[in-house]
N, C-alpha and C. Protein backbone atom coordinates (compact mmCIF):
# COMPACT_ATOMS: atom_id res chain seq x y z
N UNK A 1 64.47 52.54 71.42
CA UNK A 1 64.79 52.68 70.04
C UNK A 1 65.65 51.61 69.59
N UNK A 2 65.02 50.86 68.64
CA UNK A 2 65.69 49.66 68.08
C UNK A 2 66.41 50.01 66.70
N UNK A 3 67.56 49.64 66.61
CA UNK A 3 68.46 49.98 65.46
C UNK A 3 68.45 48.81 64.64
N UNK A 4 67.95 48.90 63.42
CA UNK A 4 67.86 47.82 62.36
C UNK A 4 69.21 47.77 61.71
N UNK A 5 69.68 46.55 61.69
CA UNK A 5 71.04 46.39 60.91
C UNK A 5 70.76 46.01 59.45
N UNK A 6 71.26 46.83 58.56
CA UNK A 6 71.20 46.52 57.20
C UNK A 6 72.11 45.29 56.70
N UNK A 7 71.63 44.53 55.76
CA UNK A 7 72.32 43.43 55.14
C UNK A 7 73.36 44.04 54.27
N UNK A 8 74.40 43.12 54.03
CA UNK A 8 75.41 43.51 53.13
C UNK A 8 74.91 43.78 51.76
N UNK A 9 73.89 43.00 51.34
CA UNK A 9 73.29 43.16 50.06
C UNK A 9 72.70 44.55 50.03
N UNK A 10 72.07 45.00 51.04
CA UNK A 10 71.33 46.38 51.00
C UNK A 10 72.31 47.45 50.82
N UNK A 11 73.53 47.16 51.60
CA UNK A 11 74.52 48.18 51.67
C UNK A 11 75.08 48.41 50.26
N UNK A 12 75.45 47.26 49.62
CA UNK A 12 75.92 47.19 48.18
C UNK A 12 74.96 47.77 47.25
N UNK A 13 73.77 47.53 47.25
CA UNK A 13 72.67 48.08 46.44
C UNK A 13 72.55 49.56 46.48
N UNK A 14 72.56 50.10 47.77
CA UNK A 14 72.61 51.53 47.91
C UNK A 14 73.97 52.03 47.48
N UNK A 15 74.98 51.52 47.47
CA UNK A 15 76.40 52.09 47.24
C UNK A 15 76.34 52.06 45.49
N UNK A 16 75.77 50.93 44.91
CA UNK A 16 75.73 51.01 43.48
C UNK A 16 74.85 52.14 42.97
N UNK A 17 73.79 52.25 43.60
CA UNK A 17 72.72 53.27 43.20
C UNK A 17 73.30 54.69 43.19
N UNK A 18 74.13 54.92 44.40
CA UNK A 18 74.83 56.21 44.46
C UNK A 18 75.94 56.30 43.38
N UNK A 19 76.60 55.32 43.13
CA UNK A 19 77.56 55.40 41.98
C UNK A 19 77.03 55.69 40.71
N UNK A 20 75.81 54.94 40.26
CA UNK A 20 75.22 55.31 39.15
C UNK A 20 74.79 56.62 39.12
N UNK A 21 74.17 57.30 40.12
CA UNK A 21 73.67 58.60 40.16
C UNK A 21 74.80 59.53 39.90
N UNK A 22 76.00 59.30 40.59
CA UNK A 22 77.19 60.14 40.30
C UNK A 22 77.68 60.12 38.87
N UNK A 23 77.87 58.83 38.37
CA UNK A 23 78.31 58.72 36.89
C UNK A 23 77.36 59.37 35.98
N UNK A 24 75.97 59.20 36.29
CA UNK A 24 74.90 59.82 35.50
C UNK A 24 75.13 61.32 35.31
N UNK A 25 75.56 62.10 36.45
CA UNK A 25 75.80 63.50 36.57
C UNK A 25 76.92 63.99 35.83
N UNK A 26 77.94 63.16 35.52
CA UNK A 26 79.20 63.59 34.71
C UNK A 26 78.73 63.79 33.21
N UNK A 27 79.45 64.67 32.67
CA UNK A 27 79.56 64.76 31.10
C UNK A 27 79.93 63.49 30.52
N UNK A 28 79.56 63.04 29.37
CA UNK A 28 79.82 61.92 28.65
C UNK A 28 81.18 61.48 28.60
N UNK A 29 82.22 62.40 28.22
CA UNK A 29 83.60 61.98 28.16
C UNK A 29 84.08 61.76 29.56
N UNK A 30 83.73 62.48 30.42
CA UNK A 30 84.30 62.16 31.83
C UNK A 30 83.79 60.84 32.25
N UNK A 31 82.49 60.57 31.99
CA UNK A 31 81.86 59.35 32.54
C UNK A 31 82.62 58.19 31.92
N UNK A 32 82.96 58.33 30.55
CA UNK A 32 83.60 57.17 29.99
C UNK A 32 85.01 56.90 30.68
N UNK A 33 85.69 58.03 30.92
CA UNK A 33 86.93 58.06 31.49
C UNK A 33 86.91 57.53 32.98
N UNK A 34 85.83 57.71 33.65
CA UNK A 34 85.57 57.26 35.07
C UNK A 34 85.38 55.73 34.99
N UNK A 35 84.45 55.36 34.02
CA UNK A 35 84.21 53.97 33.96
C UNK A 35 85.47 53.17 33.62
N UNK A 36 86.36 53.69 32.99
CA UNK A 36 87.59 52.90 32.65
C UNK A 36 88.51 52.73 33.80
N UNK A 37 88.35 53.60 34.86
CA UNK A 37 89.13 53.45 35.94
C UNK A 37 88.49 52.59 37.07
N UNK A 38 87.39 52.13 36.85
CA UNK A 38 86.70 51.14 37.89
C UNK A 38 87.25 49.81 37.63
N UNK A 39 87.31 49.03 38.77
CA UNK A 39 87.81 47.62 38.52
C UNK A 39 86.78 46.90 37.77
N UNK A 40 87.19 45.70 37.17
CA UNK A 40 86.30 44.88 36.38
C UNK A 40 85.07 44.39 37.13
N UNK A 41 85.41 44.00 38.42
CA UNK A 41 84.25 43.49 39.29
C UNK A 41 83.43 44.46 39.66
N UNK A 42 83.84 45.70 39.91
CA UNK A 42 82.91 46.86 40.21
C UNK A 42 82.09 47.24 38.82
N UNK A 43 82.74 47.24 37.86
CA UNK A 43 81.95 47.45 36.53
C UNK A 43 81.00 46.50 36.34
N UNK A 44 81.34 45.36 36.45
CA UNK A 44 80.33 44.13 36.22
C UNK A 44 79.17 44.20 37.24
N UNK A 45 79.42 44.52 38.61
CA UNK A 45 78.35 44.66 39.48
C UNK A 45 77.48 45.89 39.25
N UNK A 46 78.09 46.97 38.79
CA UNK A 46 77.29 48.10 38.42
C UNK A 46 76.33 47.82 37.14
N UNK A 47 76.83 46.99 36.20
CA UNK A 47 76.08 46.62 35.18
C UNK A 47 74.94 45.78 35.45
N UNK A 48 75.22 44.83 36.45
CA UNK A 48 74.10 43.89 36.85
C UNK A 48 73.11 44.68 37.59
N UNK A 49 73.58 45.71 38.41
CA UNK A 49 72.60 46.65 39.17
C UNK A 49 71.64 47.33 38.15
N UNK A 50 72.28 47.92 37.08
CA UNK A 50 71.49 48.57 36.12
C UNK A 50 70.53 47.65 35.42
N UNK A 51 70.97 46.60 35.18
CA UNK A 51 70.13 45.70 34.30
C UNK A 51 69.00 45.37 35.05
N UNK A 52 69.14 44.89 36.44
CA UNK A 52 68.00 44.68 37.33
C UNK A 52 67.25 45.77 37.26
N UNK A 53 67.59 47.08 37.58
CA UNK A 53 66.74 48.20 37.59
C UNK A 53 65.80 48.29 36.44
N UNK A 54 66.49 48.15 35.25
CA UNK A 54 65.67 48.23 33.93
C UNK A 54 64.63 47.11 33.87
N UNK A 55 64.89 45.84 34.38
CA UNK A 55 63.95 44.94 34.33
C UNK A 55 62.79 45.23 35.29
N UNK A 56 63.13 45.71 36.54
CA UNK A 56 62.01 46.11 37.47
C UNK A 56 61.21 47.13 36.70
N UNK A 57 61.76 48.24 36.01
CA UNK A 57 61.16 49.42 35.46
C UNK A 57 60.21 48.65 34.37
N UNK A 58 60.64 47.78 33.63
CA UNK A 58 59.79 47.24 32.46
C UNK A 58 58.69 46.45 33.11
N UNK A 59 58.85 45.83 34.16
CA UNK A 59 57.66 44.98 34.69
C UNK A 59 56.79 45.94 35.30
N UNK A 60 57.22 47.07 36.03
CA UNK A 60 56.30 48.13 36.51
C UNK A 60 55.48 48.69 35.62
N UNK A 61 56.26 49.01 34.44
CA UNK A 61 55.51 49.74 33.46
C UNK A 61 54.41 48.74 32.67
N UNK A 62 54.77 47.48 32.59
CA UNK A 62 53.75 46.54 32.01
C UNK A 62 52.60 46.41 33.12
N UNK A 63 52.76 46.44 34.28
CA UNK A 63 51.68 46.21 35.24
C UNK A 63 50.79 47.52 35.27
N UNK A 64 51.43 48.75 35.08
CA UNK A 64 50.62 50.10 34.93
C UNK A 64 49.85 50.09 33.72
N UNK A 65 50.41 49.53 32.62
CA UNK A 65 49.61 49.52 31.30
C UNK A 65 48.33 48.62 31.58
N UNK A 66 48.56 47.24 32.30
CA UNK A 66 47.37 46.47 32.54
C UNK A 66 46.40 47.21 33.22
N UNK A 67 46.75 48.00 34.45
CA UNK A 67 45.70 48.56 35.14
C UNK A 67 45.16 49.84 34.48
N UNK A 68 45.83 50.44 33.61
CA UNK A 68 45.28 51.56 32.85
C UNK A 68 44.25 51.10 31.76
N UNK A 69 44.40 49.96 31.47
CA UNK A 69 43.49 49.36 30.30
C UNK A 69 41.91 49.36 30.89
N UNK A 70 41.81 49.24 32.07
CA UNK A 70 40.37 49.37 32.64
C UNK A 70 39.86 50.58 32.65
N UNK A 71 40.59 51.70 32.75
CA UNK A 71 40.03 53.02 32.65
C UNK A 71 39.95 53.51 31.20
N UNK A 72 38.80 54.32 31.12
CA UNK A 72 38.60 54.80 29.68
C UNK A 72 39.25 56.25 29.63
N UNK A 73 40.09 56.41 28.51
CA UNK A 73 40.72 57.63 28.12
C UNK A 73 40.23 58.22 27.06
N UNK A 74 40.22 59.64 26.75
CA UNK A 74 39.77 60.18 25.48
C UNK A 74 40.72 59.69 24.46
N UNK A 75 40.35 59.67 23.24
CA UNK A 75 41.22 59.32 22.06
C UNK A 75 42.22 60.49 21.73
N UNK A 76 43.30 60.13 21.44
CA UNK A 76 44.43 61.22 21.16
C UNK A 76 44.11 61.50 19.54
N UNK A 77 44.36 63.00 19.26
CA UNK A 77 44.21 63.28 17.96
C UNK A 77 45.40 62.91 17.13
N UNK A 78 45.20 62.28 15.95
CA UNK A 78 46.35 61.79 15.10
C UNK A 78 46.87 62.96 14.21
N UNK A 79 48.10 62.86 13.97
CA UNK A 79 48.72 63.82 13.10
C UNK A 79 48.33 63.74 11.76
N UNK A 80 48.17 64.64 10.91
CA UNK A 80 47.75 64.44 9.53
C UNK A 80 48.83 63.54 8.74
N UNK A 81 48.30 62.76 7.88
CA UNK A 81 49.06 61.85 7.24
C UNK A 81 50.01 62.65 6.23
N UNK A 82 51.27 62.21 6.13
CA UNK A 82 52.39 62.78 5.25
C UNK A 82 52.55 61.72 4.14
N UNK A 83 52.87 62.21 2.86
CA UNK A 83 53.26 61.31 1.83
C UNK A 83 54.51 60.84 2.05
N UNK A 84 54.80 59.66 1.80
CA UNK A 84 56.10 59.02 1.82
C UNK A 84 56.96 59.51 0.84
N UNK A 85 58.16 59.77 1.21
CA UNK A 85 59.13 60.33 0.14
C UNK A 85 59.50 59.20 -0.90
N UNK A 86 59.88 59.59 -2.05
CA UNK A 86 60.17 58.47 -2.94
C UNK A 86 61.54 57.66 -2.43
N UNK A 87 62.31 58.24 -1.41
CA UNK A 87 63.54 57.60 -0.98
C UNK A 87 63.04 56.32 0.05
N UNK A 88 61.85 56.36 0.40
CA UNK A 88 61.61 55.21 1.39
C UNK A 88 61.79 53.91 0.62
N UNK A 89 61.57 53.93 -0.63
CA UNK A 89 61.81 52.61 -1.36
C UNK A 89 63.03 52.32 -1.59
N UNK A 90 64.00 53.19 -1.57
CA UNK A 90 65.55 52.97 -1.97
C UNK A 90 66.20 52.60 -0.77
N UNK A 91 66.21 51.39 -0.44
CA UNK A 91 66.79 50.90 0.92
C UNK A 91 68.36 51.00 0.70
N UNK A 92 69.13 51.46 1.71
CA UNK A 92 70.45 51.50 1.45
C UNK A 92 71.06 52.76 0.78
N UNK A 93 70.17 53.72 0.45
CA UNK A 93 70.65 54.88 -0.25
C UNK A 93 70.09 56.14 0.68
N UNK A 94 71.12 57.03 0.86
CA UNK A 94 70.87 58.20 1.63
C UNK A 94 70.86 59.36 0.77
N UNK A 95 69.87 60.33 0.90
CA UNK A 95 70.00 61.59 0.21
C UNK A 95 70.51 62.71 1.06
N UNK A 96 71.36 63.47 0.54
CA UNK A 96 71.91 64.63 1.16
C UNK A 96 71.83 65.95 0.36
N UNK A 97 71.15 66.98 1.17
CA UNK A 97 70.96 68.24 0.44
C UNK A 97 72.13 69.11 0.69
N UNK A 98 72.74 69.65 -0.25
CA UNK A 98 73.82 70.58 -0.11
C UNK A 98 73.32 72.02 0.10
N UNK A 99 74.29 72.91 0.44
CA UNK A 99 73.80 74.20 0.93
C UNK A 99 73.17 75.01 -0.38
N UNK A 100 73.65 74.65 -1.60
CA UNK A 100 72.95 75.32 -2.73
C UNK A 100 71.77 74.72 -3.11
N UNK A 101 70.97 73.69 -2.39
CA UNK A 101 69.84 73.23 -2.72
C UNK A 101 69.91 72.01 -3.57
N UNK A 102 71.04 71.54 -4.00
CA UNK A 102 71.35 70.19 -4.88
C UNK A 102 71.12 69.06 -4.02
N UNK A 103 70.79 67.94 -4.65
CA UNK A 103 70.48 66.67 -4.01
C UNK A 103 71.75 65.81 -4.27
N UNK A 104 72.35 65.10 -3.34
CA UNK A 104 73.43 64.16 -3.56
C UNK A 104 72.94 62.79 -2.98
N UNK A 105 73.40 61.76 -3.43
CA UNK A 105 72.99 60.32 -2.93
C UNK A 105 74.34 59.67 -2.67
N UNK A 106 74.18 58.72 -1.55
CA UNK A 106 75.19 57.89 -1.10
C UNK A 106 74.54 56.47 -0.95
N UNK A 107 75.28 55.46 -1.64
CA UNK A 107 74.85 54.03 -1.42
C UNK A 107 75.72 53.67 0.00
N UNK A 108 74.97 52.86 0.89
CA UNK A 108 75.66 52.49 2.06
C UNK A 108 75.05 51.10 2.65
N UNK A 109 75.94 50.55 3.42
CA UNK A 109 75.37 49.21 4.03
C UNK A 109 76.27 49.04 5.21
N UNK A 110 75.86 48.27 6.20
CA UNK A 110 76.59 47.73 7.34
C UNK A 110 76.82 46.26 7.31
N UNK A 111 77.96 45.67 7.18
CA UNK A 111 78.11 44.39 7.01
C UNK A 111 79.12 43.78 8.10
N UNK A 112 78.80 42.98 8.86
CA UNK A 112 79.76 42.52 9.95
C UNK A 112 80.46 43.58 10.84
N UNK A 113 79.74 44.62 11.10
CA UNK A 113 80.31 45.60 11.89
C UNK A 113 81.10 46.69 11.12
N UNK A 114 81.22 46.54 9.84
CA UNK A 114 81.86 47.50 9.04
C UNK A 114 80.88 48.33 8.12
N UNK A 115 80.82 49.60 8.31
CA UNK A 115 79.88 50.47 7.53
C UNK A 115 80.64 50.82 6.18
N UNK A 116 80.09 50.48 5.13
CA UNK A 116 80.59 50.79 3.83
C UNK A 116 79.76 51.72 3.17
N UNK A 117 80.33 52.76 2.61
CA UNK A 117 79.46 53.80 1.84
C UNK A 117 80.28 54.29 0.64
N UNK A 118 79.40 54.75 -0.41
CA UNK A 118 79.98 55.21 -1.50
C UNK A 118 80.35 56.71 -1.61
N UNK A 119 81.05 57.28 -2.60
CA UNK A 119 81.16 58.63 -2.80
C UNK A 119 79.75 59.27 -2.97
N UNK A 120 79.72 60.61 -2.94
CA UNK A 120 78.45 61.28 -3.18
C UNK A 120 78.15 61.23 -4.72
N UNK A 121 77.16 60.96 -5.33
CA UNK A 121 76.86 61.09 -6.62
C UNK A 121 75.62 62.01 -6.89
N UNK A 122 75.44 62.43 -8.10
CA UNK A 122 74.35 63.44 -8.33
C UNK A 122 73.06 62.69 -8.65
N UNK A 123 72.93 61.58 -9.19
CA UNK A 123 71.66 61.00 -9.45
C UNK A 123 71.41 59.79 -8.62
N UNK A 124 70.09 59.55 -8.45
CA UNK A 124 69.54 58.34 -7.65
C UNK A 124 69.93 57.08 -8.46
N UNK A 125 69.70 57.12 -9.75
CA UNK A 125 70.02 55.98 -10.44
C UNK A 125 71.46 55.48 -10.36
N UNK A 126 72.56 56.42 -10.42
CA UNK A 126 73.89 56.04 -10.23
C UNK A 126 74.04 55.44 -8.66
N UNK A 127 73.26 56.03 -7.70
CA UNK A 127 73.48 55.69 -6.44
C UNK A 127 72.93 54.25 -6.32
N UNK A 128 71.88 53.95 -7.13
CA UNK A 128 71.29 52.47 -7.17
C UNK A 128 72.21 51.57 -7.73
N UNK A 129 72.90 52.02 -8.79
CA UNK A 129 73.90 51.10 -9.48
C UNK A 129 75.03 50.75 -8.36
N UNK A 130 75.41 51.85 -7.61
CA UNK A 130 76.60 51.59 -6.72
C UNK A 130 76.00 50.67 -5.58
N UNK A 131 74.83 50.73 -5.18
CA UNK A 131 74.26 50.03 -4.09
C UNK A 131 74.09 48.57 -4.82
N UNK A 132 73.74 48.28 -5.79
CA UNK A 132 73.74 46.97 -6.60
C UNK A 132 75.11 46.39 -6.60
N UNK A 133 76.11 47.24 -7.04
CA UNK A 133 77.39 46.78 -7.11
C UNK A 133 78.03 46.19 -5.65
N UNK A 134 77.61 47.06 -4.70
CA UNK A 134 77.98 46.74 -3.31
C UNK A 134 77.37 45.39 -2.79
N UNK A 135 76.07 45.18 -3.18
CA UNK A 135 75.41 43.98 -2.85
C UNK A 135 76.06 42.84 -3.52
N UNK A 136 76.24 43.04 -4.87
CA UNK A 136 76.99 41.90 -5.72
C UNK A 136 78.44 41.67 -5.05
N UNK A 137 79.18 42.65 -4.75
CA UNK A 137 80.53 42.26 -4.11
C UNK A 137 80.42 41.48 -2.77
N UNK A 138 79.42 41.86 -2.10
CA UNK A 138 79.18 41.07 -0.73
C UNK A 138 78.71 39.65 -1.00
N UNK A 139 77.78 39.56 -1.90
CA UNK A 139 77.44 38.22 -2.34
C UNK A 139 78.29 37.33 -2.91
N UNK A 140 79.25 37.88 -3.76
CA UNK A 140 80.31 37.07 -4.46
C UNK A 140 81.35 36.62 -3.56
N UNK A 141 81.66 37.29 -2.49
CA UNK A 141 82.68 36.80 -1.50
C UNK A 141 82.06 36.39 -0.15
N UNK A 142 82.55 35.38 0.20
CA UNK A 142 82.01 34.75 1.60
C UNK A 142 82.35 35.63 2.80
N UNK A 143 81.20 36.07 3.45
CA UNK A 143 81.39 36.94 4.71
C UNK A 143 81.85 36.04 5.83
N UNK A 144 82.99 36.23 6.47
CA UNK A 144 83.52 35.56 7.60
C UNK A 144 83.80 36.62 8.78
N UNK A 145 84.06 36.13 9.82
CA UNK A 145 84.35 36.98 11.09
C UNK A 145 85.85 37.54 11.05
N UNK A 146 86.61 36.89 10.16
CA UNK A 146 88.12 37.40 10.23
C UNK A 146 88.08 38.84 9.40
N UNK A 147 87.27 39.11 8.45
CA UNK A 147 87.19 40.31 7.70
C UNK A 147 87.99 40.38 6.49
N UNK A 148 88.74 39.15 6.22
CA UNK A 148 89.62 38.97 5.03
C UNK A 148 88.77 39.10 3.66
N UNK A 149 87.49 38.70 3.70
CA UNK A 149 86.65 38.96 2.55
C UNK A 149 86.57 40.40 2.21
N UNK A 150 86.63 41.39 3.07
CA UNK A 150 86.59 42.67 2.80
C UNK A 150 87.63 43.25 1.90
N UNK A 151 88.90 42.87 2.18
CA UNK A 151 90.14 43.01 1.39
C UNK A 151 89.85 42.64 -0.08
N UNK A 152 89.30 41.44 -0.11
CA UNK A 152 89.18 40.71 -1.46
C UNK A 152 88.18 41.43 -2.36
N UNK A 153 87.07 41.86 -1.53
CA UNK A 153 85.80 42.49 -2.27
C UNK A 153 86.08 43.91 -2.45
N UNK A 154 86.80 44.71 -1.76
CA UNK A 154 86.98 46.13 -1.78
C UNK A 154 88.49 46.56 -1.87
N UNK A 155 89.27 45.60 -2.30
CA UNK A 155 90.76 45.91 -2.24
C UNK A 155 91.23 46.70 -3.53
N UNK A 156 92.35 46.60 -3.90
CA UNK A 156 92.99 47.44 -4.84
C UNK A 156 92.31 47.14 -6.31
N UNK A 157 91.56 46.13 -6.51
CA UNK A 157 91.05 45.88 -7.89
C UNK A 157 89.80 46.68 -7.97
N UNK A 158 89.34 47.53 -7.04
CA UNK A 158 88.05 48.19 -7.09
C UNK A 158 88.36 49.70 -7.11
N UNK A 159 89.47 49.92 -7.96
CA UNK A 159 89.82 51.31 -7.93
C UNK A 159 88.94 52.29 -8.68
N UNK A 160 88.11 51.55 -9.42
CA UNK A 160 87.01 52.48 -10.31
C UNK A 160 85.86 53.01 -9.37
N UNK A 161 85.83 52.44 -8.17
CA UNK A 161 84.78 53.02 -7.26
C UNK A 161 85.45 53.52 -6.01
N UNK A 162 84.85 54.55 -5.59
CA UNK A 162 85.38 55.25 -4.27
C UNK A 162 84.42 54.70 -3.06
N UNK A 163 85.00 53.96 -2.26
CA UNK A 163 84.37 53.45 -1.04
C UNK A 163 84.97 53.92 0.12
N UNK A 164 84.22 54.19 1.18
CA UNK A 164 84.54 54.65 2.50
C UNK A 164 84.21 53.56 3.55
N UNK A 165 85.11 53.48 4.52
CA UNK A 165 84.94 52.35 5.52
C UNK A 165 84.92 52.91 6.96
N UNK A 166 84.04 52.47 7.92
CA UNK A 166 84.16 52.73 9.23
C UNK A 166 83.97 51.44 10.05
N UNK A 167 84.56 51.36 11.11
CA UNK A 167 84.29 50.16 11.97
C UNK A 167 83.18 50.63 12.94
N UNK A 168 82.29 49.83 13.10
CA UNK A 168 81.17 50.26 14.21
C UNK A 168 80.95 49.29 15.25
N UNK A 169 80.64 49.66 16.47
CA UNK A 169 80.47 48.79 17.70
C UNK A 169 79.02 49.38 18.23
N UNK A 170 78.20 48.27 18.30
CA UNK A 170 76.84 48.70 18.95
C UNK A 170 76.97 48.79 20.53
N UNK A 171 77.20 49.89 21.11
CA UNK A 171 77.38 50.02 22.64
C UNK A 171 76.27 50.77 23.29
N UNK A 172 75.02 50.57 22.59
CA UNK A 172 73.82 51.33 23.19
C UNK A 172 73.47 50.86 24.52
N UNK A 173 73.65 49.55 24.62
CA UNK A 173 73.27 48.90 25.91
C UNK A 173 74.02 49.33 27.09
N UNK A 174 75.31 49.76 26.76
CA UNK A 174 76.26 50.17 27.97
C UNK A 174 76.43 51.82 27.89
N UNK A 175 76.58 52.34 26.60
CA UNK A 175 76.83 53.82 26.63
C UNK A 175 75.61 54.73 26.18
N UNK A 176 74.61 54.03 25.63
CA UNK A 176 73.57 54.62 24.94
C UNK A 176 73.86 55.10 23.68
N UNK A 177 74.83 54.76 22.88
CA UNK A 177 75.07 55.06 21.52
C UNK A 177 75.91 54.18 20.83
N UNK A 178 76.03 54.24 19.56
CA UNK A 178 76.85 53.34 18.70
C UNK A 178 78.36 54.13 18.58
N UNK A 179 79.39 53.22 18.74
CA UNK A 179 80.67 53.89 18.55
C UNK A 179 81.10 53.44 17.12
N UNK A 180 81.92 54.35 16.54
CA UNK A 180 82.45 54.11 15.26
C UNK A 180 83.88 54.77 15.07
N UNK A 181 84.64 54.12 14.34
CA UNK A 181 85.99 54.52 14.03
C UNK A 181 85.92 55.88 13.08
N UNK A 182 87.13 56.36 12.74
CA UNK A 182 87.13 57.49 11.77
C UNK A 182 86.91 56.77 10.48
N UNK A 183 86.48 57.46 9.40
CA UNK A 183 86.14 57.09 8.19
C UNK A 183 87.46 57.04 7.35
N UNK A 184 87.72 55.91 6.63
CA UNK A 184 89.10 55.80 5.94
C UNK A 184 88.52 55.30 4.41
N UNK A 185 89.50 55.42 3.46
CA UNK A 185 89.15 55.23 2.16
C UNK A 185 89.82 53.95 1.67
N UNK A 186 90.72 53.35 2.44
CA UNK A 186 91.35 52.14 2.12
C UNK A 186 90.85 51.08 3.27
N UNK A 187 90.57 49.90 2.77
CA UNK A 187 90.06 48.70 3.78
C UNK A 187 91.36 48.41 4.60
N UNK A 188 92.55 48.63 3.99
CA UNK A 188 93.76 48.11 4.81
C UNK A 188 93.90 49.00 6.06
N UNK A 189 93.39 50.10 6.04
CA UNK A 189 93.67 51.07 7.18
C UNK A 189 92.74 50.70 8.35
């Protein structure tokens, strides 16, 4: 009976695969906490391992698509067409239905990782005006990475408008979701 000796790379790959499965089985909060306790080198190795797996899956999927093109499949039934809502043309404006059936509108934008939204207003026209004001403020002030332009554009001089701010970080690649801070009404917060 011959014993095959596994290479260090194979042992590492198996260990990272088991760690990935263990972390996937944990609830989201516990998973985040566990990831924080891993060393930087282990976290980067795990991330590299997961990226390689993802690349292998995508190449495997593309190969199966190519091979399935040769076979004939019956056509899928399409869902009946639906009319587009009038909101689809109002980029940057969200509609909210209240419990009593009324509609409220919010103007919004994400600029340099800062989500800016207006207060709820009753009419679409008012929301469009707020959205235009938001675009005007952003275009008048130079957007830079320091974020100082935000205080100039939405600071104390803008008392007539109620703006809400949230810092957002796109962590979908690592955590599967976007992270955001709590919503504040003053840019200085």
